[in-house]
Amino acid sequence: MEDYADADRKRGKTVRTKLNYEICESIAELLKPMSIKPFNWFVPNLYPKITDPREEVTNYFFAVVAQDFGFWRGNRRGYSKPVNALKNGKVLKGASFLWAASFEVYEENPEFFTATRMKDLKMAELKKWLSDDRKKSPVPMTKERLVVARDLGKSLCDNYDGAFTNILGACRGYLRRSRRGLLELLETFCGYADKPFFKKALLLAKILSSRPERFLKIEDVENKKVMIDYHLERLAERTGMIDISDRTLAEKLSRRLWVSPQEEYEIRLKALKAYDLVCKISGKDPFLVDNFFWEGRRYCPEMEEPVCKKCVLCKVCKGSRDQRYRKLFQPIIRTIRY
């Protein structure tokens, strides 16, 4: 099998990363006999009730997933710290805070997440939506978030009569279908534009297909992918599924420094290919593989030392044996994509 790095060299590209087929295969073999639990995205007091109107629930998920990005702070050198905020008396990190804050707004007024509200959203309303127990918004990139929300509302009103259910009807259960699949239709919204990764679009598809109501019944399961966010990038590097062959880039990652768009793209693309291999060899549904690695962040977190002994990948993970891999961090770059 030709290595992706070799293929890049033939095309004259600078190669900074390399796919490690053996590690991907070893991880896939470990996953084969495992029973991985799906998320149903229905937890009382956190997500909408299954008895709520279809329009309200789908509008909610459409608007909130678009905001699922950039929950960390940086300085002039690079990464500073993750966003942790007090909500409902609990310290919540990143996306957990986003869902708790959003559901509080939804309970008070489900109409808040309609297209007509989003297209004219004010900065003060956005900050109130994403506020903690102190009534302050701890999230970065508020200007970008406002653009994402307004574009979502305006595009939905202009092209789909303001109803996300019309997008679901148009895609007919397909993720990719001659530019009419769900991923392709969502690509026209700035908050979801992320080709070829489709991180947030795939997350939305995962939620809608996993909810008890089954808002989306995916016809082309072959187009499912793992959602490549910074947690999964970090795990791909630390396990050795992808090797950072460029010393300068490896140092940037270990020291949590800013990287270039080209460096970030290469790492993310190699991660996508690595997880594709794991899914193909293991025969596991990509959404379930995504669940597995998302839970893996608990043993291989951002700020604390990895707890390798508790991780089922310990025997095959390079990071469990080599500190150089354990120190690797996700690429640091500001983006609305993830």
C-alpha atoms as a PDB file:
ATOM      1  CA  MET A   1       0.000   0.000   0.000  1.00  0.00           C
ATOM      2  CA  GLU A   2       1.439   3.385  -1.002  1.00  0.00           C
ATOM      3  CA  ASP A   3       1.886   5.760   1.908  1.00  0.00           C
ATOM      4  CA  TYR A   4       0.059   9.078   1.615  1.00  0.00           C
ATOM      5  CA  ALA A   5       3.314  10.901   2.331  1.00  0.00           C
ATOM      6  CA  ASP A   6       4.988   9.102  -0.600  1.00  0.00           C
ATOM      7  CA  ALA A   7       2.114  10.141  -2.850  1.00  0.00           C
ATOM      8  CA  ASP A   8       2.558  13.753  -1.743  1.00  0.00           C
ATOM      9  CA  ARG A   9       6.286  13.627  -2.461  1.00  0.00           C
ATOM     10  CA  LYS A  10       5.588  12.442  -6.004  1.00  0.00           C
ATOM     11  CA  ARG A  11       3.384  15.489  -6.474  1.00  0.00           C
ATOM     12  CA  GLY A  12       6.202  17.711  -5.213  1.00  0.00           C
ATOM     13  CA  LYS A  13       4.450  18.725  -1.989  1.00  0.00           C
ATOM     14  CA  THR A  14       6.215  19.531   1.282  1.00  0.00           C
ATOM     15  CA  VAL A  15       5.466  16.634   3.621  1.00  0.00           C
ATOM     16  CA  ARG A  16       5.319  17.345   7.342  1.00  0.00           C
ATOM     17  CA  THR A  17       3.226  14.381   8.484  1.00  0.00           C
ATOM     18  CA  LYS A  18       3.026  10.693   7.720  1.00  0.00           C
ATOM     19  CA  LEU A  19       0.197   8.207   8.114  1.00  0.00           C
ATOM     20  CA  ASN A  20       1.234   5.217  10.234  1.00  0.00           C
ATOM     21  CA  TYR A  21      -0.664   2.295   8.746  1.00  0.00           C
ATOM     22  CA  GLU A  22       0.541  -0.203  11.376  1.00  0.00           C
ATOM     23  CA  ILE A  23      -0.744   1.859  14.312  1.00  0.00           C
ATOM     24  CA  CYS A  24      -4.071   2.463  12.553  1.00  0.00           C
ATOM     25  CA  GLU A  25      -4.396  -1.265  11.905  1.00  0.00           C
ATOM     26  CA  SER A  26      -3.517  -2.153  15.519  1.00  0.00           C
ATOM     27  CA  ILE A  27      -6.112   0.263  16.864  1.00  0.00           C
ATOM     28  CA  ALA A  28      -8.701  -1.063  14.401  1.00  0.00           C
ATOM     29  CA  GLU A  29      -8.065  -4.637  15.558  1.00  0.00           C
ATOM     30  CA  LEU A  30      -8.624  -3.571  19.158  1.00  0.00           C
ATOM     31  CA  LEU A  31     -11.916  -1.944  18.202  1.00  0.00           C
ATOM     32  CA  LYS A  32     -13.259  -4.920  16.235  1.00  0.00           C
ATOM     33  CA  PRO A  33     -14.620  -6.949  19.189  1.00  0.00           C
ATOM     34  CA  MET A  34     -15.722  -3.891  21.167  1.00  0.00           C
ATOM     35  CA  SER A  35     -19.304  -2.841  21.696  1.00  0.00           C
ATOM     36  CA  ILE A  36     -19.331   0.952  21.406  1.00  0.00           C
ATOM     37  CA  LYS A  37     -22.385   2.705  22.772  1.00  0.00           C
ATOM     38  CA  PRO A  38     -24.101   5.257  20.546  1.00  0.00           C
ATOM     39  CA  PHE A  39     -25.121   8.684  21.838  1.00  0.00           C
ATOM     40  CA  ASN A  40     -28.846   9.328  21.478  1.00  0.00           C
ATOM     41  CA  TRP A  41     -28.561  13.070  22.160  1.00  0.00           C
ATOM     42  CA  PHE A  42     -31.510  12.925  24.494  1.00  0.00           C
ATOM     43  CA  VAL A  43     -30.665  13.683  28.098  1.00  0.00           C
ATOM     44  CA  PRO A  44     -33.394  15.283  30.231  1.00  0.00           C
ATOM     45  CA  ASN A  45     -32.533  18.832  31.320  1.00  0.00           C
ATOM     46  CA  LEU A  46     -29.822  19.118  28.656  1.00  0.00           C
ATOM     47  CA  TYR A  47     -31.426  18.531  25.245  1.00  0.00           C
ATOM     48  CA  PRO A  48     -34.991  19.151  23.948  1.00  0.00           C
ATOM     49  CA  LYS A  49     -37.749  16.682  24.836  1.00  0.00           C
ATOM     50  CA  ILE A  50     -38.800  14.102  22.253  1.00  0.00           C
ATOM     51  CA  THR A  51     -42.345  15.435  22.592  1.00  0.00           C
ATOM     52  CA  ASP A  52     -41.326  18.942  21.473  1.00  0.00           C
ATOM     53  CA  PRO A  53     -42.342  20.088  17.977  1.00  0.00           C
ATOM     54  CA  ARG A  54     -40.078  18.822  15.196  1.00  0.00           C
ATOM     55  CA  GLU A  55     -39.412  22.358  13.940  1.00  0.00           C
ATOM     56  CA  GLU A  56     -38.308  23.632  17.346  1.00  0.00           C
ATOM     57  CA  VAL A  57     -35.950  20.713  18.017  1.00  0.00           C
ATOM     58  CA  THR A  58     -34.259  20.737  14.597  1.00  0.00           C
ATOM     59  CA  ASN A  59     -33.928  24.557  14.595  1.00  0.00           C
ATOM     60  CA  TYR A  60     -32.263  24.300  17.980  1.00  0.00           C
ATOM     61  CA  PHE A  61     -29.665  21.738  16.948  1.00  0.00           C
ATOM     62  CA  PHE A  62     -29.006  23.540  13.643  1.00  0.00           C
ATOM     63  CA  ALA A  63     -28.282  26.849  15.409  1.00  0.00           C
ATOM     64  CA  VAL A  64     -26.277  25.437  18.312  1.00  0.00           C
ATOM     65  CA  VAL A  65     -24.010  23.078  16.355  1.00  0.00           C
ATOM     66  CA  ALA A  66     -23.007  26.027  14.161  1.00  0.00           C
ATOM     67  CA  GLN A  67     -21.528  27.606  17.331  1.00  0.00           C
ATOM     68  CA  ASP A  68     -19.507  24.533  18.296  1.00  0.00           C
ATOM     69  CA  PHE A  69     -16.012  25.888  17.731  1.00  0.00           C
ATOM     70  CA  GLY A  70     -13.037  27.628  19.332  1.00  0.00           C
ATOM     71  CA  PHE A  71     -13.548  27.037  23.051  1.00  0.00           C
ATOM     72  CA  TRP A  72     -10.022  27.965  24.095  1.00  0.00           C
ATOM     73  CA  ARG A  73      -7.939  31.051  24.689  1.00  0.00           C
ATOM     74  CA  GLY A  74      -4.640  32.007  23.154  1.00  0.00           C
ATOM     75  CA  ASN A  75      -1.906  34.597  23.529  1.00  0.00           C
ATOM     76  CA  ARG A  76       0.723  35.951  21.160  1.00  0.00           C
ATOM     77  CA  ARG A  77       2.702  32.706  21.374  1.00  0.00           C
ATOM     78  CA  GLY A  78      -0.099  30.178  21.050  1.00  0.00           C
ATOM     79  CA  TYR A  79      -2.480  28.192  23.257  1.00  0.00           C
ATOM     80  CA  SER A  80      -3.197  29.579  26.705  1.00  0.00           C
ATOM     81  CA  LYS A  81      -6.043  27.584  28.276  1.00  0.00           C
ATOM     82  CA  PRO A  82      -9.388  25.965  27.534  1.00  0.00           C
ATOM     83  CA  VAL A  83     -12.649  27.770  28.238  1.00  0.00           C
ATOM     84  CA  ASN A  84     -14.081  26.624  31.562  1.00  0.00           C
ATOM     85  CA  ALA A  85     -17.179  28.366  32.870  1.00  0.00           C
ATOM     86  CA  LEU A  86     -19.599  28.053  35.764  1.00  0.00           C
ATOM     87  CA  LYS A  87     -23.079  27.116  34.559  1.00  0.00           C
ATOM     88  CA  ASN A  88     -25.922  25.909  36.760  1.00  0.00           C
ATOM     89  CA  GLY A  89     -23.449  25.628  39.608  1.00  0.00           C
ATOM     90  CA  LYS A  90     -21.062  23.360  37.676  1.00  0.00           C
ATOM     91  CA  VAL A  91     -17.729  24.114  36.023  1.00  0.00           C
ATOM     92  CA  LEU A  92     -18.203  23.099  32.385  1.00  0.00           C
ATOM     93  CA  LYS A  93     -15.653  22.952  29.592  1.00  0.00           C
ATOM     94  CA  GLY A  94     -16.090  23.945  25.967  1.00  0.00           C
ATOM     95  CA  ALA A  95     -18.958  22.225  24.206  1.00  0.00           C
ATOM     96  CA  SER A  96     -20.472  21.091  27.518  1.00  0.00           C
ATOM     97  CA  PHE A  97     -20.873  24.747  28.441  1.00  0.00           C
ATOM     98  CA  LEU A  98     -22.334  25.536  25.008  1.00  0.00           C
ATOM     99  CA  TRP A  99     -25.064  22.907  25.350  1.00  0.00           C
ATOM    100  CA  ALA A 100     -25.944  23.841  28.934  1.00  0.00           C
ATOM    101  CA  ALA A 101     -26.139  27.550  28.111  1.00  0.00           C
ATOM    102  CA  SER A 102     -28.136  26.936  24.930  1.00  0.00           C
ATOM    103  CA  PHE A 103     -30.657  24.635  26.564  1.00  0.00           C
ATOM    104  CA  GLU A 104     -31.334  27.218  29.271  1.00  0.00           C
ATOM    105  CA  VAL A 105     -32.296  29.677  26.526  1.00  0.00           C
ATOM    106  CA  TYR A 106     -34.342  27.026  24.695  1.00  0.00           C
ATOM    107  CA  GLU A 107     -36.359  26.224  27.820  1.00  0.00           C
ATOM    108  CA  GLU A 108     -37.240  29.879  28.245  1.00  0.00           C
ATOM    109  CA  ASN A 109     -38.006  30.533  24.584  1.00  0.00           C
ATOM    110  CA  PRO A 110     -37.638  27.909  21.808  1.00  0.00           C
ATOM    111  CA  GLU A 111     -38.429  30.642  19.261  1.00  0.00           C
ATOM    112  CA  PHE A 112     -35.029  32.162  19.987  1.00  0.00           C
ATOM    113  CA  PHE A 113     -33.426  29.610  17.653  1.00  0.00           C
ATOM    114  CA  THR A 114     -35.651  30.277  14.651  1.00  0.00           C
ATOM    115  CA  ALA A 115     -34.184  31.685  11.446  1.00  0.00           C
ATOM    116  CA  THR A 116     -36.050  34.972  11.852  1.00  0.00           C
ATOM    117  CA  ARG A 117     -34.445  35.536  15.252  1.00  0.00           C
ATOM    118  CA  MET A 118     -30.979  34.421  14.187  1.00  0.00           C
ATOM    119  CA  LYS A 119     -30.777  36.680  11.116  1.00  0.00           C
ATOM    120  CA  ASP A 120     -31.277  39.819  13.204  1.00  0.00           C
ATOM    121  CA  LEU A 121     -29.446  38.649  16.330  1.00  0.00           C
ATOM    122  CA  LYS A 122     -27.797  41.416  18.341  1.00  0.00           C
ATOM    123  CA  MET A 123     -24.415  41.117  20.037  1.00  0.00           C
ATOM    124  CA  ALA A 124     -26.033  41.619  23.432  1.00  0.00           C
ATOM    125  CA  GLU A 125     -28.425  38.729  22.710  1.00  0.00           C
ATOM    126  CA  LEU A 126     -25.557  36.480  21.637  1.00  0.00           C
ATOM    127  CA  LYS A 127     -23.609  37.219  24.806  1.00  0.00           C
ATOM    128  CA  LYS A 128     -26.689  36.616  26.957  1.00  0.00           C
ATOM    129  CA  TRP A 129     -27.241  33.302  25.158  1.00  0.00           C
ATOM    130  CA  LEU A 130     -23.645  32.238  25.863  1.00  0.00           C
ATOM    131  CA  SER A 131     -23.461  33.596  29.408  1.00  0.00           C
ATOM    132  CA  ASP A 132     -22.328  31.860  32.583  1.00  0.00           C
ATOM    133  CA  ASP A 133     -23.758  32.013  36.104  1.00  0.00           C
ATOM    134  CA  ARG A 134     -22.190  35.452  36.550  1.00  0.00           C
ATOM    135  CA  LYS A 135     -24.211  36.718  33.548  1.00  0.00           C
ATOM    136  CA  LYS A 136     -21.001  37.151  31.540  1.00  0.00           C
ATOM    137  CA  SER A 137     -20.019  35.472  28.280  1.00  0.00           C
ATOM    138  CA  PRO A 138     -16.737  33.535  28.653  1.00  0.00           C
ATOM    139  CA  VAL A 139     -16.469  32.417  25.021  1.00  0.00           C
ATOM    140  CA  PRO A 140     -13.987  33.921  22.543  1.00  0.00           C
ATOM    141  CA  MET A 141     -14.639  34.964  18.933  1.00  0.00           C
ATOM    142  CA  THR A 142     -17.971  36.690  19.624  1.00  0.00           C
ATOM    143  CA  LYS A 143     -17.760  38.765  16.431  1.00  0.00           C
ATOM    144  CA  GLU A 144     -17.316  35.626  14.353  1.00  0.00           C
ATOM    145  CA  ARG A 145     -20.110  33.881  16.255  1.00  0.00           C
ATOM    146  CA  LEU A 146     -22.510  36.717  15.484  1.00  0.00           C
ATOM    147  CA  VAL A 147     -21.640  36.476  11.780  1.00  0.00           C
ATOM    148  CA  VAL A 148     -22.266  32.722  11.870  1.00  0.00           C
ATOM    149  CA  ALA A 149     -25.656  33.118  13.576  1.00  0.00           C
ATOM    150  CA  ARG A 150     -26.856  35.905  11.281  1.00  0.00           C
ATOM    151  CA  ASP A 151     -25.725  34.111   8.130  1.00  0.00           C
ATOM    152  CA  LEU A 152     -27.471  30.956   9.282  1.00  0.00           C
ATOM    153  CA  GLY A 153     -30.739  32.817   9.790  1.00  0.00           C
ATOM    154  CA  LYS A 154     -30.556  34.888   6.622  1.00  0.00           C
ATOM    155  CA  SER A 155     -29.590  31.985   4.336  1.00  0.00           C
ATOM    156  CA  LEU A 156     -32.293  29.802   5.832  1.00  0.00           C
ATOM    157  CA  CYS A 157     -34.909  32.517   5.301  1.00  0.00           C
ATOM    158  CA  ASP A 158     -33.737  33.331   1.781  1.00  0.00           C
ATOM    159  CA  ASN A 159     -33.416  29.779   0.486  1.00  0.00           C
ATOM    160  CA  TYR A 160     -35.554  27.471   2.631  1.00  0.00           C
ATOM    161  CA  ASP A 161     -38.500  29.573   3.802  1.00  0.00           C
ATOM    162  CA  GLY A 162     -36.856  29.877   7.210  1.00  0.00           C
ATOM    163  CA  ALA A 163     -37.322  26.182   8.058  1.00  0.00           C
ATOM    164  CA  PHE A 164     -34.465  23.768   8.598  1.00  0.00           C
ATOM    165  CA  THR A 165     -36.938  20.923   8.025  1.00  0.00           C
ATOM    166  CA  ASN A 166     -36.970  21.991   4.354  1.00  0.00           C
ATOM    167  CA  ILE A 167     -33.250  21.170   4.168  1.00  0.00           C
ATOM    168  CA  LEU A 168     -33.983  17.750   5.617  1.00  0.00           C
ATOM    169  CA  GLY A 169     -36.652  17.265   2.988  1.00  0.00           C
ATOM    170  CA  ALA A 170     -34.362  18.386   0.188  1.00  0.00           C
ATOM    171  CA  CYS A 171     -31.519  15.997   1.057  1.00  0.00           C
ATOM    172  CA  ARG A 172     -33.839  12.940   1.117  1.00  0.00           C
ATOM    173  CA  GLY A 173     -31.685  11.208   3.694  1.00  0.00           C
ATOM    174  CA  TYR A 174     -28.441  11.504   1.735  1.00  0.00           C
ATOM    175  CA  LEU A 175     -25.221  13.057   3.038  1.00  0.00           C
ATOM    176  CA  ARG A 176     -23.769  13.449  -0.478  1.00  0.00           C
ATOM    177  CA  ARG A 177     -26.008  13.472  -3.568  1.00  0.00           C
ATOM    178  CA  SER A 178     -25.067  15.541  -6.620  1.00  0.00           C
ATOM    179  CA  ARG A 179     -24.709  18.667  -4.489  1.00  0.00           C
ATOM    180  CA  ARG A 180     -28.112  18.040  -2.859  1.00  0.00           C
ATOM    181  CA  GLY A 181     -26.989  15.921   0.073  1.00  0.00           C
ATOM    182  CA  LEU A 182     -27.144  17.286   3.616  1.00  0.00           C
ATOM    183  CA  LEU A 183     -23.397  17.952   3.843  1.00  0.00           C
ATOM    184  CA  GLU A 184     -23.435  19.730   0.506  1.00  0.00           C
ATOM    185  CA  LEU A 185     -26.485  21.853   1.330  1.00  0.00           C
ATOM    186  CA  LEU A 186     -24.971  22.859   4.666  1.00  0.00           C
ATOM    187  CA  GLU A 187     -21.752  23.881   2.903  1.00  0.00           C
ATOM    188  CA  THR A 188     -23.578  27.031   1.706  1.00  0.00           C
ATOM    189  CA  PHE A 189     -23.790  28.309   5.323  1.00  0.00           C
ATOM    190  CA  CYS A 190     -20.580  29.938   6.550  1.00  0.00           C
ATOM    191  CA  GLY A 191     -20.921  28.235   9.939  1.00  0.00           C
ATOM    192  CA  TYR A 192     -20.907  24.812   8.295  1.00  0.00           C
ATOM    193  CA  ALA A 193     -18.524  25.364   5.359  1.00  0.00           C
ATOM    194  CA  ASP A 194     -15.694  22.905   5.952  1.00  0.00           C
ATOM    195  CA  LYS A 195     -14.967  20.814   2.865  1.00  0.00           C
ATOM    196  CA  PRO A 196     -13.592  18.078   2.811  1.00  0.00           C
ATOM    197  CA  PHE A 197     -13.957  17.574   6.583  1.00  0.00           C
ATOM    198  CA  PHE A 198     -17.572  18.658   7.180  1.00  0.00           C
ATOM    199  CA  LYS A 199     -16.968  18.494  10.929  1.00  0.00           C
ATOM    200  CA  LYS A 200     -20.023  20.401  12.155  1.00  0.00           C
ATOM    201  CA  ALA A 201     -22.235  19.160   9.327  1.00  0.00           C
ATOM    202  CA  LEU A 202     -21.383  15.562  10.234  1.00  0.00           C
ATOM    203  CA  LEU A 203     -22.005  16.298  13.910  1.00  0.00           C
ATOM    204  CA  LEU A 204     -25.442  17.655  13.033  1.00  0.00           C
ATOM    205  CA  ALA A 205     -26.149  14.590  10.884  1.00  0.00           C
ATOM    206  CA  LYS A 206     -25.034  12.361  13.741  1.00  0.00           C
ATOM    207  CA  ILE A 207     -27.353  14.111  16.182  1.00  0.00           C
ATOM    208  CA  LEU A 208     -30.381  14.112  13.870  1.00  0.00           C
ATOM    209  CA  SER A 209     -29.919  10.436  12.975  1.00  0.00           C
ATOM    210  CA  SER A 210     -29.269   9.371  16.581  1.00  0.00           C
ATOM    211  CA  ARG A 211     -32.121  11.195  18.317  1.00  0.00           C
ATOM    212  CA  PRO A 212     -35.100   8.976  19.270  1.00  0.00           C
ATOM    213  CA  GLU A 213     -37.198  10.818  16.663  1.00  0.00           C
ATOM    214  CA  ARG A 214     -34.785   9.829  13.848  1.00  0.00           C
ATOM    215  CA  PHE A 215     -35.095  13.156  12.071  1.00  0.00           C
ATOM    216  CA  LEU A 216     -32.558  11.891   9.529  1.00  0.00           C
ATOM    217  CA  LYS A 217     -32.392   8.352   8.176  1.00  0.00           C
ATOM    218  CA  ILE A 218     -29.055   8.172   6.373  1.00  0.00           C
ATOM    219  CA  GLU A 219     -29.305   6.376   3.034  1.00  0.00           C
ATOM    220  CA  ASP A 220     -25.642   6.579   1.989  1.00  0.00           C
ATOM    221  CA  VAL A 221     -23.892   5.243   5.081  1.00  0.00           C
ATOM    222  CA  GLU A 222     -20.685   4.941   3.052  1.00  0.00           C
ATOM    223  CA  ASN A 223     -20.389   8.748   3.259  1.00  0.00           C
ATOM    224  CA  LYS A 224     -20.273   8.817   7.040  1.00  0.00           C
ATOM    225  CA  LYS A 225     -16.982  10.102   8.448  1.00  0.00           C
ATOM    226  CA  VAL A 226     -15.385  10.651  11.835  1.00  0.00           C
ATOM    227  CA  MET A 227     -15.616  14.291  12.946  1.00  0.00           C
ATOM    228  CA  ILE A 228     -12.114  15.761  12.975  1.00  0.00           C
ATOM    229  CA  ASP A 229     -11.917  18.318  15.769  1.00  0.00           C
ATOM    230  CA  TYR A 230      -8.936  19.279  17.884  1.00  0.00           C
ATOM    231  CA  HIS A 231      -9.486  16.457  20.386  1.00  0.00           C
ATOM    232  CA  LEU A 232      -9.295  13.836  17.650  1.00  0.00           C
ATOM    233  CA  GLU A 233      -6.300  15.557  16.045  1.00  0.00           C
ATOM    234  CA  ARG A 234      -4.482  15.416  19.364  1.00  0.00           C
ATOM    235  CA  LEU A 235      -5.297  11.715  19.832  1.00  0.00           C
ATOM    236  CA  ALA A 236      -4.207  10.879  16.279  1.00  0.00           C
ATOM    237  CA  GLU A 237      -0.821  12.501  16.985  1.00  0.00           C
ATOM    238  CA  ARG A 238      -0.305  11.002  20.433  1.00  0.00           C
ATOM    239  CA  THR A 239      -1.281   7.462  19.497  1.00  0.00           C
ATOM    240  CA  GLY A 240       1.014   7.642  16.479  1.00  0.00           C
ATOM    241  CA  MET A 241      -1.748   7.129  13.911  1.00  0.00           C
ATOM    242  CA  ILE A 242      -0.057  10.061  12.251  1.00  0.00           C
ATOM    243  CA  ASP A 243       3.635  10.824  12.705  1.00  0.00           C
ATOM    244  CA  ILE A 244       4.904  14.411  12.634  1.00  0.00           C
ATOM    245  CA  SER A 245       7.974  14.008  10.431  1.00  0.00           C
ATOM    246  CA  ASP A 246       8.892  17.698  10.386  1.00  0.00           C
ATOM    247  CA  ARG A 247      10.910  18.646  13.496  1.00  0.00           C
ATOM    248  CA  THR A 248       9.908  22.297  13.419  1.00  0.00           C
ATOM    249  CA  LEU A 249       6.228  21.403  13.294  1.00  0.00           C
ATOM    250  CA  ALA A 250       6.649  18.801  16.044  1.00  0.00           C
ATOM    251  CA  GLU A 251       8.216  21.479  18.253  1.00  0.00           C
ATOM    252  CA  LYS A 252       5.349  23.877  17.549  1.00  0.00           C
ATOM    253  CA  LEU A 253       2.841  21.205  18.561  1.00  0.00           C
ATOM    254  CA  SER A 254       4.728  20.187  21.704  1.00  0.00           C
ATOM    255  CA  ARG A 255       5.104  23.812  22.816  1.00  0.00           C
ATOM    256  CA  ARG A 256       1.503  24.645  21.848  1.00  0.00           C
ATOM    257  CA  LEU A 257       2.548  27.427  19.488  1.00  0.00           C
ATOM    258  CA  TRP A 258       0.609  28.909  16.578  1.00  0.00           C
ATOM    259  CA  VAL A 259       0.817  26.941  13.327  1.00  0.00           C
ATOM    260  CA  SER A 260       0.228  28.047   9.744  1.00  0.00           C
ATOM    261  CA  PRO A 261      -3.008  27.259   7.867  1.00  0.00           C
ATOM    262  CA  GLN A 262      -1.045  24.894   5.621  1.00  0.00           C
ATOM    263  CA  GLU A 263       0.379  22.995   8.610  1.00  0.00           C
ATOM    264  CA  GLU A 264      -3.032  22.732  10.258  1.00  0.00           C
ATOM    265  CA  TYR A 265      -4.670  21.525   7.059  1.00  0.00           C
ATOM    266  CA  GLU A 266      -2.087  18.795   6.527  1.00  0.00           C
ATOM    267  CA  ILE A 267      -2.439  17.486  10.078  1.00  0.00           C
ATOM    268  CA  ARG A 268      -6.208  17.522   9.892  1.00  0.00           C
ATOM    269  CA  LEU A 269      -6.272  15.818   6.495  1.00  0.00           C
ATOM    270  CA  LYS A 270      -3.889  13.077   7.653  1.00  0.00           C
ATOM    271  CA  ALA A 271      -6.052  12.598  10.754  1.00  0.00           C
ATOM    272  CA  LEU A 272      -9.116  12.188   8.544  1.00  0.00           C
ATOM    273  CA  LYS A 273      -7.323   9.548   6.468  1.00  0.00           C
ATOM    274  CA  ALA A 274      -6.140   7.773   9.634  1.00  0.00           C
ATOM    275  CA  TYR A 275      -9.623   7.526  11.099  1.00  0.00           C
ATOM    276  CA  ASP A 276     -10.968   6.431   7.705  1.00  0.00           C
ATOM    277  CA  LEU A 277      -8.488   3.541   7.824  1.00  0.00           C
ATOM    278  CA  VAL A 278      -9.486   2.607  11.365  1.00  0.00           C
ATOM    279  CA  CYS A 279     -13.154   2.514  10.344  1.00  0.00           C
ATOM    280  CA  LYS A 280     -12.460   0.508   7.186  1.00  0.00           C
ATOM    281  CA  ILE A 281     -10.276  -2.110   8.882  1.00  0.00           C
ATOM    282  CA  SER A 282     -12.398  -2.440  12.021  1.00  0.00           C
ATOM    283  CA  GLY A 283     -15.699  -2.459  10.149  1.00  0.00           C
ATOM    284  CA  LYS A 284     -17.084  -0.034  12.728  1.00  0.00           C
ATOM    285  CA  ASP A 285     -19.559   2.741  11.980  1.00  0.00           C
ATOM    286  CA  PRO A 286     -17.615   6.053  11.779  1.00  0.00           C
ATOM    287  CA  PHE A 287     -20.089   7.717  14.139  1.00  0.00           C
ATOM    288  CA  LEU A 288     -19.376   5.020  16.741  1.00  0.00           C
ATOM    289  CA  VAL A 289     -15.622   5.340  16.204  1.00  0.00           C
ATOM    290  CA  ASP A 290     -16.069   9.071  16.742  1.00  0.00           C
ATOM    291  CA  ASN A 291     -17.850   8.336  20.032  1.00  0.00           C
ATOM    292  CA  PHE A 292     -15.005   6.093  21.133  1.00  0.00           C
ATOM    293  CA  PHE A 293     -12.284   8.657  20.502  1.00  0.00           C
ATOM    294  CA  TRP A 294     -14.356  11.546  21.868  1.00  0.00           C
ATOM    295  CA  GLU A 295     -14.592   9.636  25.153  1.00  0.00           C
ATOM    296  CA  GLY A 296     -10.853   8.978  24.888  1.00  0.00           C
ATOM    297  CA  ARG A 297     -10.179  12.655  25.586  1.00  0.00           C
ATOM    298  CA  ARG A 298     -10.967  11.859  29.249  1.00  0.00           C
ATOM    299  CA  TYR A 299      -7.795   9.748  29.462  1.00  0.00           C
ATOM    300  CA  CYS A 300      -5.767  11.921  27.106  1.00  0.00           C
ATOM    301  CA  PRO A 301      -6.842  15.464  28.040  1.00  0.00           C
ATOM    302  CA  GLU A 302      -5.481  18.812  26.943  1.00  0.00           C
ATOM    303  CA  MET A 303      -4.033  20.245  30.136  1.00  0.00           C
ATOM    304  CA  GLU A 304      -3.433  17.264  32.419  1.00  0.00           C
ATOM    305  CA  GLU A 305      -1.002  14.377  32.036  1.00  0.00           C
ATOM    306  CA  PRO A 306      -2.549  11.443  30.101  1.00  0.00           C
ATOM    307  CA  VAL A 307      -3.771   8.536  32.236  1.00  0.00           C
ATOM    308  CA  CYS A 308      -2.489   5.833  29.908  1.00  0.00           C
ATOM    309  CA  LYS A 309      -3.171   2.866  32.213  1.00  0.00           C
ATOM    310  CA  LYS A 310      -6.915   3.496  32.030  1.00  0.00           C
ATOM    311  CA  CYS A 311      -6.966   3.700  28.230  1.00  0.00           C
ATOM    312  CA  VAL A 312      -7.723   0.550  26.218  1.00  0.00           C
ATOM    313  CA  LEU A 313      -5.311   1.748  23.516  1.00  0.00           C
ATOM    314  CA  CYS A 314      -2.385   1.746  25.936  1.00  0.00           C
ATOM    315  CA  LYS A 315      -0.753  -1.369  24.450  1.00  0.00           C
ATOM    316  CA  VAL A 316      -0.550   0.029  20.920  1.00  0.00           C
ATOM    317  CA  CYS A 317      -0.352   3.785  21.579  1.00  0.00           C
ATOM    318  CA  LYS A 318       3.063   5.345  20.998  1.00  0.00           C
ATOM    319  CA  GLY A 319       2.327   8.044  23.556  1.00  0.00           C
ATOM    320  CA  SER A 320       2.014   5.469  26.332  1.00  0.00           C
ATOM    321  CA  ARG A 321       5.683   4.566  25.791  1.00  0.00           C
ATOM    322  CA  ASP A 322       7.253   7.726  24.414  1.00  0.00           C
ATOM    323  CA  GLN A 323       7.044  11.128  26.087  1.00  0.00           C
ATOM    324  CA  ARG A 324       7.682  12.884  22.776  1.00  0.00           C
ATOM    325  CA  TYR A 325       4.314  11.643  21.539  1.00  0.00           C
ATOM    326  CA  ARG A 326       2.549  12.381  24.840  1.00  0.00           C
ATOM    327  CA  LYS A 327       3.630  16.021  24.606  1.00  0.00           C
ATOM    328  CA  LEU A 328       2.104  16.552  21.167  1.00  0.00           C
ATOM    329  CA  PHE A 329      -0.843  18.927  21.065  1.00  0.00           C
ATOM    330  CA  GLN A 330      -3.510  19.772  18.532  1.00  0.00           C
ATOM    331  CA  PRO A 331      -2.538  22.412  15.929  1.00  0.00           C
ATOM    332  CA  ILE A 332      -3.170  25.893  17.298  1.00  0.00           C
ATOM    333  CA  ILE A 333      -5.015  28.086  14.850  1.00  0.00           C
ATOM    334  CA  ARG A 334      -8.130  30.254  15.091  1.00  0.00           C
ATOM    335  CA  THR A 335     -11.005  28.959  12.982  1.00  0.00           C
ATOM    336  CA  ILE A 336     -14.805  28.820  13.042  1.00  0.00           C
ATOM    337  CA  ARG A 337     -14.703  25.303  11.590  1.00  0.00           C
ATOM    338  CA  TYR A 338     -14.173  23.355  14.821  1.00  0.00           C
END
